[in-house]
Amino acid sequence: MAELGPAELVLTAAVARRHYLHHRSKVEIAEELGISRFKVARMLDAAREMGLVRIEIVRQGTLDLDLSAHLLQEVVTARDVIGLPWSRTVHAVVGALESLPPVEVVQLTGAIVLPDFDSSAVDIVRRASRLADGTSRVFYAPFVARRRRQRRGAAAPAACGGGPGPGVIGHDRGRRDRGVGARGVHDPRPPRGRGAG
């Protein structure tokens, strides 16, 4: 982009200020300054390209636990099966729950022990199950399996109603499965290291 002269730079800044700070439309700015709306659009693009205008999207605050818990309580029905992984966020949301309809709660991930955090996937599932006065399906397996044999024989499929191999949450007609927080399987090793276990 060619450098702007002083007059063009001042005009570009004025256009940007009117548009972004005073919420004026391109047509309004064009009429006020006696230029075309296309020139206004080009000037706004130029202002962003040269760094005169920066747009930043900032996440405000933290997770609203009460709102998240309320939403979960609102969407879950007695026909659902809830799948819960381990995470600090899921732990906090389940801790903020006041009640749940009678549902089956299924553990989705193995356990992980952190020195500064006293919770596991089993704890989260049991708490949600107590609130629901429902059943829970838990398994005792590590969050990360270091050897191929451990990954193949993981307890998760048995806990979810299946045998060895991919697990399926016990699905009945008329029931809906809901997973909260995470989806998929994470293998922390780089792609070249997989299969060497």
N, C-alpha and C. Protein backbone atom coordinates (compact mmCIF):
# COMPACT_ATOMS: atom_id res chain seq x y z
N MET A 1 0.83 -1.18 0.00
CA MET A 1 0.00 0.00 0.00
C MET A 1 0.89 1.25 0.00
N ALA A 2 0.54 2.20 -0.82
CA ALA A 2 1.30 3.45 -0.90
C ALA A 2 1.07 4.28 0.35
N GLU A 3 2.11 4.99 0.76
CA GLU A 3 1.98 5.86 1.94
C GLU A 3 1.06 7.02 1.63
N LEU A 4 0.31 7.39 2.63
CA LEU A 4 -0.61 8.52 2.47
C LEU A 4 0.09 9.81 2.83
N GLY A 5 -0.27 10.88 2.13
CA GLY A 5 0.23 12.20 2.50
C GLY A 5 -0.47 12.69 3.75
N PRO A 6 -0.01 13.78 4.33
CA PRO A 6 -0.59 14.27 5.58
C PRO A 6 -2.09 14.56 5.50
N ALA A 7 -2.54 15.18 4.41
CA ALA A 7 -3.97 15.51 4.28
C ALA A 7 -4.81 14.23 4.18
N GLU A 8 -4.34 13.27 3.40
CA GLU A 8 -5.06 12.00 3.22
C GLU A 8 -5.08 11.20 4.53
N LEU A 9 -3.98 11.27 5.27
CA LEU A 9 -3.89 10.58 6.56
C LEU A 9 -4.89 11.17 7.56
N VAL A 10 -5.00 12.49 7.59
CA VAL A 10 -5.95 13.16 8.49
C VAL A 10 -7.38 12.81 8.10
N LEU A 11 -7.66 12.79 6.79
CA LEU A 11 -9.00 12.45 6.32
C LEU A 11 -9.33 10.98 6.64
N THR A 12 -8.37 10.10 6.46
CA THR A 12 -8.57 8.68 6.78
C THR A 12 -8.87 8.50 8.27
N ALA A 13 -8.13 9.21 9.12
CA ALA A 13 -8.35 9.13 10.56
C ALA A 13 -9.74 9.67 10.91
N ALA A 14 -10.16 10.75 10.25
CA ALA A 14 -11.49 11.32 10.51
C ALA A 14 -12.59 10.34 10.10
N VAL A 15 -12.41 9.70 8.95
CA VAL A 15 -13.39 8.71 8.49
C VAL A 15 -13.45 7.54 9.47
N ALA A 16 -12.30 7.03 9.88
CA ALA A 16 -12.25 5.91 10.83
C ALA A 16 -12.90 6.29 12.15
N ARG A 17 -12.60 7.47 12.65
CA ARG A 17 -13.17 7.92 13.93
C ARG A 17 -14.70 8.00 13.83
N ARG A 18 -15.20 8.58 12.75
CA ARG A 18 -16.65 8.70 12.59
C ARG A 18 -17.31 7.32 12.48
N HIS A 19 -16.66 6.43 11.77
CA HIS A 19 -17.27 5.11 11.56
C HIS A 19 -17.19 4.24 12.82
N TYR A 20 -15.99 4.10 13.39
CA TYR A 20 -15.80 3.16 14.49
C TYR A 20 -16.16 3.72 15.86
N LEU A 21 -15.95 5.01 16.08
CA LEU A 21 -16.24 5.57 17.40
C LEU A 21 -17.61 6.23 17.49
N HIS A 22 -18.06 6.82 16.38
CA HIS A 22 -19.35 7.50 16.41
C HIS A 22 -20.44 6.71 15.70
N HIS A 23 -20.10 5.51 15.23
CA HIS A 23 -21.06 4.57 14.63
C HIS A 23 -21.84 5.16 13.45
N ARG A 24 -21.15 5.94 12.65
CA ARG A 24 -21.76 6.52 11.45
C ARG A 24 -21.63 5.52 10.31
N SER A 25 -22.62 5.46 9.44
CA SER A 25 -22.56 4.57 8.29
C SER A 25 -21.64 5.16 7.22
N LYS A 26 -21.23 4.33 6.29
CA LYS A 26 -20.37 4.79 5.20
C LYS A 26 -21.09 5.84 4.36
N VAL A 27 -22.38 5.64 4.17
CA VAL A 27 -23.17 6.60 3.37
C VAL A 27 -23.23 7.94 4.09
N GLU A 28 -23.46 7.92 5.40
CA GLU A 28 -23.52 9.17 6.18
C GLU A 28 -22.19 9.92 6.12
N ILE A 29 -21.10 9.17 6.28
CA ILE A 29 -19.77 9.80 6.24
C ILE A 29 -19.50 10.40 4.87
N ALA A 30 -19.87 9.64 3.82
CA ALA A 30 -19.66 10.14 2.45
C ALA A 30 -20.41 11.44 2.22
N GLU A 31 -21.66 11.49 2.70
CA GLU A 31 -22.45 12.72 2.53
C GLU A 31 -21.85 13.88 3.32
N GLU A 32 -21.42 13.61 4.55
CA GLU A 32 -20.86 14.66 5.40
C GLU A 32 -19.56 15.25 4.83
N LEU A 33 -18.73 14.37 4.25
CA LEU A 33 -17.41 14.82 3.76
C LEU A 33 -17.37 15.09 2.27
N GLY A 34 -18.47 14.83 1.57
CA GLY A 34 -18.53 15.10 0.13
C GLY A 34 -17.66 14.16 -0.69
N ILE A 35 -17.55 12.91 -0.28
CA ILE A 35 -16.80 11.89 -1.05
C ILE A 35 -17.72 10.70 -1.28
N SER A 36 -17.32 9.78 -2.13
CA SER A 36 -18.18 8.63 -2.41
C SER A 36 -18.10 7.60 -1.27
N ARG A 37 -19.14 6.80 -1.14
CA ARG A 37 -19.14 5.77 -0.09
C ARG A 37 -18.08 4.71 -0.39
N PHE A 38 -17.73 4.56 -1.69
CA PHE A 38 -16.68 3.61 -2.05
C PHE A 38 -15.32 4.10 -1.56
N LYS A 39 -15.11 5.40 -1.65
CA LYS A 39 -13.86 5.98 -1.13
C LYS A 39 -13.81 5.83 0.38
N VAL A 40 -14.96 6.01 1.06
CA VAL A 40 -15.01 5.80 2.51
C VAL A 40 -14.62 4.36 2.83
N ALA A 41 -15.17 3.40 2.10
CA ALA A 41 -14.85 1.98 2.33
C ALA A 41 -13.36 1.73 2.13
N ARG A 42 -12.77 2.29 1.04
CA ARG A 42 -11.33 2.12 0.79
C ARG A 42 -10.51 2.74 1.91
N MET A 43 -10.94 3.89 2.42
CA MET A 43 -10.21 4.56 3.50
C MET A 43 -10.28 3.74 4.81
N LEU A 44 -11.42 3.13 5.08
CA LEU A 44 -11.54 2.29 6.28
C LEU A 44 -10.63 1.06 6.16
N ASP A 45 -10.59 0.48 4.98
CA ASP A 45 -9.67 -0.66 4.75
C ASP A 45 -8.22 -0.23 4.94
N ALA A 46 -7.89 0.93 4.37
CA ALA A 46 -6.52 1.45 4.48
C ALA A 46 -6.16 1.72 5.94
N ALA A 47 -7.11 2.27 6.70
CA ALA A 47 -6.85 2.57 8.12
C ALA A 47 -6.52 1.29 8.89
N ARG A 48 -7.20 0.21 8.56
CA ARG A 48 -6.91 -1.07 9.23
C ARG A 48 -5.58 -1.65 8.75
N GLU A 49 -5.33 -1.58 7.45
CA GLU A 49 -4.10 -2.14 6.90
C GLU A 49 -2.85 -1.45 7.45
N MET A 50 -2.90 -0.14 7.62
CA MET A 50 -1.72 0.58 8.10
C MET A 50 -1.62 0.63 9.62
N GLY A 51 -2.59 0.04 10.32
CA GLY A 51 -2.53 0.00 11.77
C GLY A 51 -3.11 1.22 12.46
N LEU A 52 -3.70 2.10 11.70
CA LEU A 52 -4.34 3.28 12.28
C LEU A 52 -5.55 2.83 13.11
N VAL A 53 -6.22 1.78 12.65
CA VAL A 53 -7.35 1.18 13.36
C VAL A 53 -6.99 -0.27 13.63
N ARG A 54 -7.15 -0.67 14.88
CA ARG A 54 -6.96 -2.07 15.26
C ARG A 54 -8.25 -2.55 15.90
N ILE A 55 -8.71 -3.70 15.48
CA ILE A 55 -9.92 -4.28 16.07
C ILE A 55 -9.47 -5.47 16.90
N GLU A 56 -9.88 -5.46 18.16
CA GLU A 56 -9.47 -6.51 19.08
C GLU A 56 -10.73 -7.07 19.74
N ILE A 57 -10.85 -8.38 19.74
CA ILE A 57 -11.96 -9.04 20.41
C ILE A 57 -11.40 -9.66 21.68
N VAL A 58 -11.93 -9.23 22.81
CA VAL A 58 -11.42 -9.66 24.10
C VAL A 58 -12.50 -10.43 24.83
N ARG A 59 -12.13 -11.58 25.34
CA ARG A 59 -13.07 -12.35 26.14
C ARG A 59 -13.17 -11.68 27.51
N GLN A 60 -14.35 -11.28 27.87
CA GLN A 60 -14.56 -10.58 29.13
C GLN A 60 -14.88 -11.57 30.25
N GLY A 61 -14.24 -11.40 31.37
CA GLY A 61 -14.60 -12.16 32.57
C GLY A 61 -14.27 -13.63 32.46
N THR A 62 -14.91 -14.38 33.31
CA THR A 62 -14.69 -15.82 33.37
C THR A 62 -16.00 -16.52 33.05
N LEU A 63 -15.95 -17.82 33.04
CA LEU A 63 -17.14 -18.63 32.80
C LEU A 63 -18.17 -18.35 33.88
N ASP A 64 -19.38 -18.10 33.49
CA ASP A 64 -20.47 -17.90 34.45
C ASP A 64 -20.98 -19.28 34.84
N LEU A 65 -20.49 -19.77 35.97
CA LEU A 65 -20.83 -21.13 36.40
C LEU A 65 -22.32 -21.30 36.66
N ASP A 66 -22.92 -20.32 37.30
CA ASP A 66 -24.35 -20.43 37.60
C ASP A 66 -25.17 -20.51 36.32
N LEU A 67 -24.83 -19.67 35.34
CA LEU A 67 -25.54 -19.68 34.06
C LEU A 67 -25.33 -21.02 33.35
N SER A 68 -24.09 -21.52 33.35
CA SER A 68 -23.80 -22.80 32.70
C SER A 68 -24.56 -23.94 33.38
N ALA A 69 -24.57 -23.95 34.71
CA ALA A 69 -25.29 -24.99 35.45
C ALA A 69 -26.79 -24.89 35.17
N HIS A 70 -27.31 -23.67 35.15
CA HIS A 70 -28.74 -23.47 34.88
C HIS A 70 -29.10 -23.98 33.48
N LEU A 71 -28.26 -23.68 32.50
CA LEU A 71 -28.49 -24.14 31.14
C LEU A 71 -28.51 -25.66 31.08
N LEU A 72 -27.55 -26.31 31.74
CA LEU A 72 -27.51 -27.77 31.76
C LEU A 72 -28.77 -28.33 32.40
N GLN A 73 -29.19 -27.75 33.52
CA GLN A 73 -30.41 -28.21 34.20
C GLN A 73 -31.64 -28.02 33.32
N GLU A 74 -31.63 -26.99 32.50
CA GLU A 74 -32.76 -26.67 31.65
C GLU A 74 -32.88 -27.62 30.45
N VAL A 75 -31.76 -28.04 29.87
CA VAL A 75 -31.83 -28.85 28.64
C VAL A 75 -31.86 -30.35 28.90
N VAL A 76 -31.42 -30.80 30.06
CA VAL A 76 -31.38 -32.23 30.34
C VAL A 76 -32.77 -32.70 30.78
N THR A 77 -33.20 -33.82 30.19
CA THR A 77 -34.48 -34.43 30.58
C THR A 77 -34.23 -35.84 31.06
N ALA A 78 -35.23 -36.46 31.62
CA ALA A 78 -35.11 -37.83 32.14
C ALA A 78 -34.81 -38.84 31.04
N ARG A 79 -34.99 -38.46 29.79
CA ARG A 79 -34.71 -39.36 28.66
C ARG A 79 -33.25 -39.32 28.24
N ASP A 80 -32.43 -38.48 28.88
CA ASP A 80 -31.04 -38.29 28.46
C ASP A 80 -30.08 -39.19 29.20
N VAL A 81 -28.93 -39.40 28.56
CA VAL A 81 -27.75 -39.97 29.19
C VAL A 81 -26.70 -38.86 29.10
N ILE A 82 -26.09 -38.51 30.23
CA ILE A 82 -25.10 -37.44 30.23
C ILE A 82 -23.71 -38.05 30.29
N GLY A 83 -22.84 -37.67 29.37
CA GLY A 83 -21.45 -38.09 29.37
C GLY A 83 -20.58 -36.94 29.86
N LEU A 84 -19.77 -37.19 30.89
CA LEU A 84 -18.93 -36.14 31.46
C LEU A 84 -17.45 -36.52 31.39
N PRO A 85 -16.62 -35.64 30.85
CA PRO A 85 -15.17 -35.85 30.87
C PRO A 85 -14.60 -35.22 32.15
N TRP A 86 -13.30 -35.34 32.33
CA TRP A 86 -12.66 -34.62 33.43
C TRP A 86 -12.12 -33.33 32.86
N SER A 87 -12.41 -32.24 33.53
CA SER A 87 -11.75 -30.96 33.30
C SER A 87 -12.11 -30.08 34.49
N ARG A 88 -11.31 -29.06 34.70
CA ARG A 88 -11.60 -28.14 35.80
C ARG A 88 -12.92 -27.42 35.58
N THR A 89 -13.22 -27.09 34.33
CA THR A 89 -14.46 -26.39 34.02
C THR A 89 -15.67 -27.28 34.28
N VAL A 90 -15.61 -28.53 33.81
CA VAL A 90 -16.73 -29.46 34.04
C VAL A 90 -16.90 -29.69 35.54
N HIS A 91 -15.79 -29.84 36.26
CA HIS A 91 -15.85 -29.98 37.71
C HIS A 91 -16.59 -28.80 38.34
N ALA A 92 -16.26 -27.58 37.91
CA ALA A 92 -16.88 -26.38 38.47
C ALA A 92 -18.37 -26.29 38.11
N VAL A 93 -18.72 -26.63 36.88
CA VAL A 93 -20.13 -26.57 36.47
C VAL A 93 -20.95 -27.60 37.24
N VAL A 94 -20.45 -28.82 37.35
CA VAL A 94 -21.17 -29.85 38.12
C VAL A 94 -21.28 -29.42 39.58
N GLY A 95 -20.25 -28.78 40.11
CA GLY A 95 -20.30 -28.27 41.48
C GLY A 95 -21.35 -27.19 41.67
N ALA A 96 -21.70 -26.47 40.62
CA ALA A 96 -22.70 -25.40 40.70
C ALA A 96 -24.12 -25.90 40.47
N LEU A 97 -24.26 -27.16 40.03
CA LEU A 97 -25.60 -27.71 39.80
C LEU A 97 -26.36 -27.85 41.10
N GLU A 98 -27.64 -27.57 41.05
CA GLU A 98 -28.49 -27.76 42.22
C GLU A 98 -29.28 -29.06 42.12
N SER A 99 -29.65 -29.45 40.91
CA SER A 99 -30.40 -30.69 40.72
C SER A 99 -30.32 -31.09 39.25
N LEU A 100 -30.68 -32.34 39.00
CA LEU A 100 -30.81 -32.86 37.64
C LEU A 100 -31.97 -33.84 37.64
N PRO A 101 -32.62 -34.04 36.50
CA PRO A 101 -33.65 -35.08 36.45
C PRO A 101 -32.97 -36.45 36.59
N PRO A 102 -33.71 -37.50 36.88
CA PRO A 102 -33.09 -38.82 37.03
C PRO A 102 -32.54 -39.32 35.69
N VAL A 103 -31.22 -39.25 35.54
CA VAL A 103 -30.56 -39.64 34.30
C VAL A 103 -29.39 -40.56 34.61
N GLU A 104 -28.93 -41.25 33.60
CA GLU A 104 -27.70 -42.03 33.71
C GLU A 104 -26.54 -41.09 33.39
N VAL A 105 -25.48 -41.15 34.20
CA VAL A 105 -24.31 -40.30 34.01
C VAL A 105 -23.12 -41.21 33.72
N VAL A 106 -22.44 -40.96 32.62
CA VAL A 106 -21.37 -41.82 32.14
C VAL A 106 -20.05 -41.06 32.10
N GLN A 107 -19.00 -41.68 32.58
CA GLN A 107 -17.66 -41.10 32.55
C GLN A 107 -17.10 -41.23 31.13
N LEU A 108 -16.55 -40.14 30.59
CA LEU A 108 -16.02 -40.16 29.22
C LEU A 108 -14.50 -40.25 29.15
N THR A 109 -13.81 -39.91 30.24
CA THR A 109 -12.34 -39.95 30.20
C THR A 109 -11.81 -40.64 31.43
N GLY A 110 -10.56 -41.08 31.34
CA GLY A 110 -9.90 -41.69 32.49
C GLY A 110 -9.53 -40.65 33.53
N ALA A 111 -8.88 -41.12 34.58
CA ALA A 111 -8.53 -40.26 35.70
C ALA A 111 -7.17 -39.61 35.48
N ILE A 112 -7.05 -38.41 36.01
CA ILE A 112 -5.76 -37.71 35.98
C ILE A 112 -5.56 -37.14 37.38
N VAL A 113 -4.35 -37.23 37.88
CA VAL A 113 -4.05 -36.72 39.21
C VAL A 113 -3.17 -35.49 39.05
N LEU A 114 -3.66 -34.38 39.58
CA LEU A 114 -2.89 -33.14 39.56
C LEU A 114 -2.57 -32.77 41.00
N PRO A 115 -1.35 -32.35 41.26
CA PRO A 115 -0.96 -32.06 42.64
C PRO A 115 -1.75 -30.92 43.28
N ASP A 116 -2.26 -29.99 42.47
CA ASP A 116 -2.96 -28.84 43.05
C ASP A 116 -4.48 -28.91 42.88
N PHE A 117 -5.01 -30.11 42.53
CA PHE A 117 -6.45 -30.20 42.27
C PHE A 117 -6.97 -31.53 42.77
N ASP A 118 -7.98 -31.49 43.63
CA ASP A 118 -8.49 -32.70 44.27
C ASP A 118 -9.82 -33.11 43.65
N SER A 119 -9.79 -33.63 42.43
CA SER A 119 -10.99 -34.08 41.75
C SER A 119 -10.59 -35.01 40.62
N SER A 120 -11.47 -35.92 40.27
CA SER A 120 -11.22 -36.81 39.14
C SER A 120 -12.51 -36.97 38.35
N ALA A 121 -12.41 -37.64 37.21
CA ALA A 121 -13.60 -37.89 36.39
C ALA A 121 -14.61 -38.71 37.18
N VAL A 122 -14.13 -39.65 37.99
CA VAL A 122 -15.03 -40.48 38.81
C VAL A 122 -15.80 -39.59 39.79
N ASP A 123 -15.12 -38.65 40.46
CA ASP A 123 -15.77 -37.74 41.40
C ASP A 123 -16.86 -36.91 40.72
N ILE A 124 -16.55 -36.40 39.54
CA ILE A 124 -17.50 -35.56 38.81
C ILE A 124 -18.74 -36.36 38.46
N VAL A 125 -18.55 -37.57 37.93
CA VAL A 125 -19.68 -38.42 37.53
C VAL A 125 -20.52 -38.79 38.75
N ARG A 126 -19.88 -39.16 39.83
CA ARG A 126 -20.63 -39.55 41.03
C ARG A 126 -21.44 -38.37 41.59
N ARG A 127 -20.86 -37.18 41.61
CA ARG A 127 -21.60 -36.02 42.11
C ARG A 127 -22.83 -35.74 41.24
N ALA A 128 -22.65 -35.75 39.92
CA ALA A 128 -23.78 -35.51 39.02
C ALA A 128 -24.84 -36.59 39.19
N SER A 129 -24.41 -37.83 39.35
CA SER A 129 -25.34 -38.95 39.53
C SER A 129 -26.13 -38.81 40.83
N ARG A 130 -25.47 -38.38 41.91
CA ARG A 130 -26.18 -38.17 43.19
C ARG A 130 -27.24 -37.08 43.03
N LEU A 131 -26.90 -36.00 42.33
CA LEU A 131 -27.86 -34.92 42.11
C LEU A 131 -29.06 -35.40 41.29
N ALA A 132 -28.81 -36.32 40.38
CA ALA A 132 -29.86 -36.82 39.50
C ALA A 132 -30.63 -37.96 40.13
N ASP A 133 -30.11 -38.48 41.23
CA ASP A 133 -30.70 -39.69 41.82
C ASP A 133 -30.81 -40.76 40.73
N GLY A 134 -29.75 -40.82 39.92
CA GLY A 134 -29.72 -41.75 38.80
C GLY A 134 -28.58 -42.73 38.94
N THR A 135 -28.26 -43.40 37.87
CA THR A 135 -27.16 -44.37 37.89
C THR A 135 -25.91 -43.73 37.30
N SER A 136 -24.77 -44.28 37.68
CA SER A 136 -23.51 -43.78 37.13
C SER A 136 -22.72 -44.95 36.58
N ARG A 137 -21.95 -44.67 35.56
CA ARG A 137 -21.04 -45.67 34.99
C ARG A 137 -19.66 -45.05 35.02
N VAL A 138 -18.80 -45.60 35.86
CA VAL A 138 -17.44 -45.11 36.00
C VAL A 138 -16.46 -46.23 35.69
N PHE A 139 -15.24 -45.84 35.41
CA PHE A 139 -14.18 -46.82 35.21
C PHE A 139 -12.89 -46.26 35.77
N TYR A 140 -12.02 -47.13 36.16
CA TYR A 140 -10.75 -46.71 36.75
C TYR A 140 -9.65 -46.98 35.74
N ALA A 141 -9.29 -45.94 35.04
CA ALA A 141 -8.24 -46.03 34.02
C ALA A 141 -7.55 -44.68 33.98
N PRO A 142 -6.29 -44.66 33.54
CA PRO A 142 -5.59 -43.37 33.46
C PRO A 142 -6.14 -42.50 32.35
N PHE A 143 -5.97 -41.19 32.52
CA PHE A 143 -6.37 -40.22 31.50
C PHE A 143 -5.53 -40.40 30.24
N VAL A 144 -4.25 -40.71 30.42
CA VAL A 144 -3.33 -40.95 29.32
C VAL A 144 -2.74 -42.34 29.49
N ALA A 145 -2.89 -43.20 28.47
CA ALA A 145 -2.29 -44.53 28.50
C ALA A 145 -0.95 -44.47 27.79
N ARG A 146 0.09 -44.91 28.46
CA ARG A 146 1.44 -44.78 27.89
C ARG A 146 1.79 -45.93 26.94
N ARG A 147 1.20 -47.07 27.10
CA ARG A 147 1.55 -48.22 26.25
C ARG A 147 0.36 -48.63 25.39
N ARG A 148 0.64 -49.15 24.22
CA ARG A 148 -0.41 -49.56 23.29
C ARG A 148 -1.34 -50.57 23.94
N ARG A 149 -0.80 -51.50 24.70
CA ARG A 149 -1.61 -52.53 25.35
C ARG A 149 -2.64 -51.88 26.28
N GLN A 150 -2.24 -50.82 27.01
CA GLN A 150 -3.16 -50.12 27.90
C GLN A 150 -4.26 -49.42 27.10
N ARG A 151 -3.89 -48.83 25.96
CA ARG A 151 -4.89 -48.13 25.15
C ARG A 151 -5.90 -49.10 24.58
N ARG A 152 -5.43 -50.27 24.12
CA ARG A 152 -6.33 -51.25 23.54
C ARG A 152 -7.27 -51.84 24.58
N GLY A 153 -6.79 -52.04 25.78
CA GLY A 153 -7.59 -52.68 26.81
C GLY A 153 -8.22 -51.70 27.76
N ALA A 154 -8.38 -50.46 27.35
CA ALA A 154 -8.93 -49.44 28.25
C ALA A 154 -10.31 -49.85 28.74
N ALA A 155 -10.62 -49.46 29.96
CA ALA A 155 -11.86 -49.85 30.60
C ALA A 155 -13.07 -49.06 30.12
N ALA A 156 -12.85 -47.98 29.39
CA ALA A 156 -13.97 -47.12 28.99
C ALA A 156 -15.06 -47.86 28.23
N PRO A 157 -14.75 -48.74 27.25
CA PRO A 157 -15.83 -49.41 26.54
C PRO A 157 -16.71 -50.25 27.45
N ALA A 158 -16.12 -50.95 28.42
CA ALA A 158 -16.91 -51.76 29.33
C ALA A 158 -17.83 -50.88 30.17
N ALA A 159 -17.33 -49.72 30.59
CA ALA A 159 -18.14 -48.82 31.40
C ALA A 159 -19.31 -48.26 30.62
N CYS A 160 -19.14 -48.18 29.30
CA CYS A 160 -20.19 -47.60 28.47
C CYS A 160 -21.12 -48.65 27.89
N GLY A 161 -21.01 -49.87 28.35
CA GLY A 161 -21.97 -50.90 27.93
C GLY A 161 -21.46 -51.81 26.83
N GLY A 162 -20.24 -51.66 26.38
CA GLY A 162 -19.71 -52.52 25.33
C GLY A 162 -18.56 -53.35 25.84
N GLY A 163 -18.00 -54.17 24.99
CA GLY A 163 -16.83 -54.95 25.34
C GLY A 163 -15.60 -54.24 24.85
N PRO A 164 -14.52 -55.01 24.56
CA PRO A 164 -13.32 -54.37 24.03
C PRO A 164 -13.64 -53.68 22.70
N GLY A 165 -12.92 -52.64 22.42
CA GLY A 165 -13.16 -51.90 21.18
C GLY A 165 -13.89 -50.61 21.47
N PRO A 166 -14.41 -49.97 20.42
CA PRO A 166 -15.05 -48.67 20.63
C PRO A 166 -16.25 -48.78 21.57
N GLY A 167 -16.34 -47.85 22.50
CA GLY A 167 -17.44 -47.87 23.47
C GLY A 167 -18.66 -47.16 22.93
N VAL A 168 -19.80 -47.67 23.28
CA VAL A 168 -21.07 -47.03 22.92
C VAL A 168 -21.84 -46.84 24.21
N ILE A 169 -22.25 -45.63 24.47
CA ILE A 169 -23.05 -45.38 25.66
C ILE A 169 -24.36 -46.12 25.47
N GLY A 170 -24.76 -46.89 26.48
CA GLY A 170 -25.97 -47.71 26.38
C GLY A 170 -27.13 -46.92 25.82
N HIS A 171 -27.40 -47.06 24.54
CA HIS A 171 -28.41 -46.24 23.88
C HIS A 171 -29.70 -47.04 23.75
N ASP A 172 -30.76 -46.53 24.31
CA ASP A 172 -32.08 -47.13 24.18
C ASP A 172 -32.91 -46.23 23.29
N ARG A 173 -33.93 -46.84 22.65
CA ARG A 173 -34.84 -45.99 21.88
C ARG A 173 -35.52 -45.02 22.82
N GLY A 174 -35.69 -43.81 22.37
CA GLY A 174 -36.35 -42.81 23.19
C GLY A 174 -35.41 -42.10 24.16
N ARG A 175 -34.14 -42.49 24.18
CA ARG A 175 -33.18 -41.81 25.05
C ARG A 175 -32.22 -41.04 24.19
N ARG A 176 -31.74 -39.93 24.73
CA ARG A 176 -30.79 -39.10 24.01
C ARG A 176 -29.49 -39.06 24.79
N ASP A 177 -28.39 -39.16 24.09
CA ASP A 177 -27.08 -39.09 24.72
C ASP A 177 -26.58 -37.66 24.64
N ARG A 178 -26.04 -37.15 25.75
CA ARG A 178 -25.48 -35.80 25.78
C ARG A 178 -24.09 -35.87 26.36
N GLY A 179 -23.13 -35.30 25.65
CA GLY A 179 -21.77 -35.19 26.17
C GLY A 179 -21.54 -33.76 26.61
N VAL A 180 -20.88 -33.58 27.72
CA VAL A 180 -20.64 -32.24 28.23
C VAL A 180 -19.15 -32.00 28.28
N GLY A 181 -18.66 -30.98 27.58
CA GLY A 181 -17.29 -30.53 27.76
C GLY A 181 -16.29 -30.97 26.74
N ALA A 182 -16.28 -32.20 26.29
CA ALA A 182 -15.21 -32.64 25.39
C ALA A 182 -15.73 -33.70 24.44
N ARG A 183 -15.00 -33.89 23.36
CA ARG A 183 -15.39 -34.86 22.38
C ARG A 183 -14.15 -35.46 21.75
N GLY A 184 -14.13 -36.75 21.49
CA GLY A 184 -13.01 -37.36 20.81
C GLY A 184 -11.98 -37.93 21.75
N VAL A 185 -10.93 -38.46 21.16
CA VAL A 185 -9.83 -39.07 21.91
C VAL A 185 -8.58 -38.26 21.64
N HIS A 186 -7.83 -38.00 22.66
CA HIS A 186 -6.60 -37.22 22.51
C HIS A 186 -5.41 -38.13 22.73
N ASP A 187 -4.53 -38.21 21.76
CA ASP A 187 -3.28 -38.94 21.91
C ASP A 187 -2.18 -37.89 22.00
N PRO A 188 -1.56 -37.71 23.19
CA PRO A 188 -0.62 -36.60 23.39
C PRO A 188 0.71 -36.77 22.67
N ARG A 189 0.99 -37.95 22.12
CA ARG A 189 2.27 -38.16 21.45
C ARG A 189 2.25 -37.53 20.06
N PRO A 190 3.39 -37.08 19.59
CA PRO A 190 3.43 -36.57 18.21
C PRO A 190 3.15 -37.71 17.24
N PRO A 191 2.63 -37.41 16.02
CA PRO A 191 2.25 -38.47 15.08
C PRO A 191 3.34 -39.50 14.83
N ARG A 192 4.63 -39.10 14.80
CA ARG A 192 5.70 -40.07 14.53
C ARG A 192 5.84 -41.06 15.69
N GLY A 193 5.47 -40.65 16.91
CA GLY A 193 5.65 -41.51 18.08
C GLY A 193 4.53 -42.52 18.27
N ARG A 194 3.43 -42.37 17.52
CA ARG A 194 2.31 -43.28 17.68
C ARG A 194 2.65 -44.64 17.09
N GLY A 195 2.19 -45.66 17.74
CA GLY A 195 2.43 -47.01 17.23
C GLY A 195 3.73 -47.60 17.72
N ALA A 196 4.53 -46.85 18.46
CA ALA A 196 5.80 -47.37 18.95
C ALA A 196 5.65 -47.93 20.35
N GLY A 197 4.39 -47.86 20.94
CA GLY A 197 4.15 -48.20 22.33
C GLY A 197 4.16 -49.63 22.59
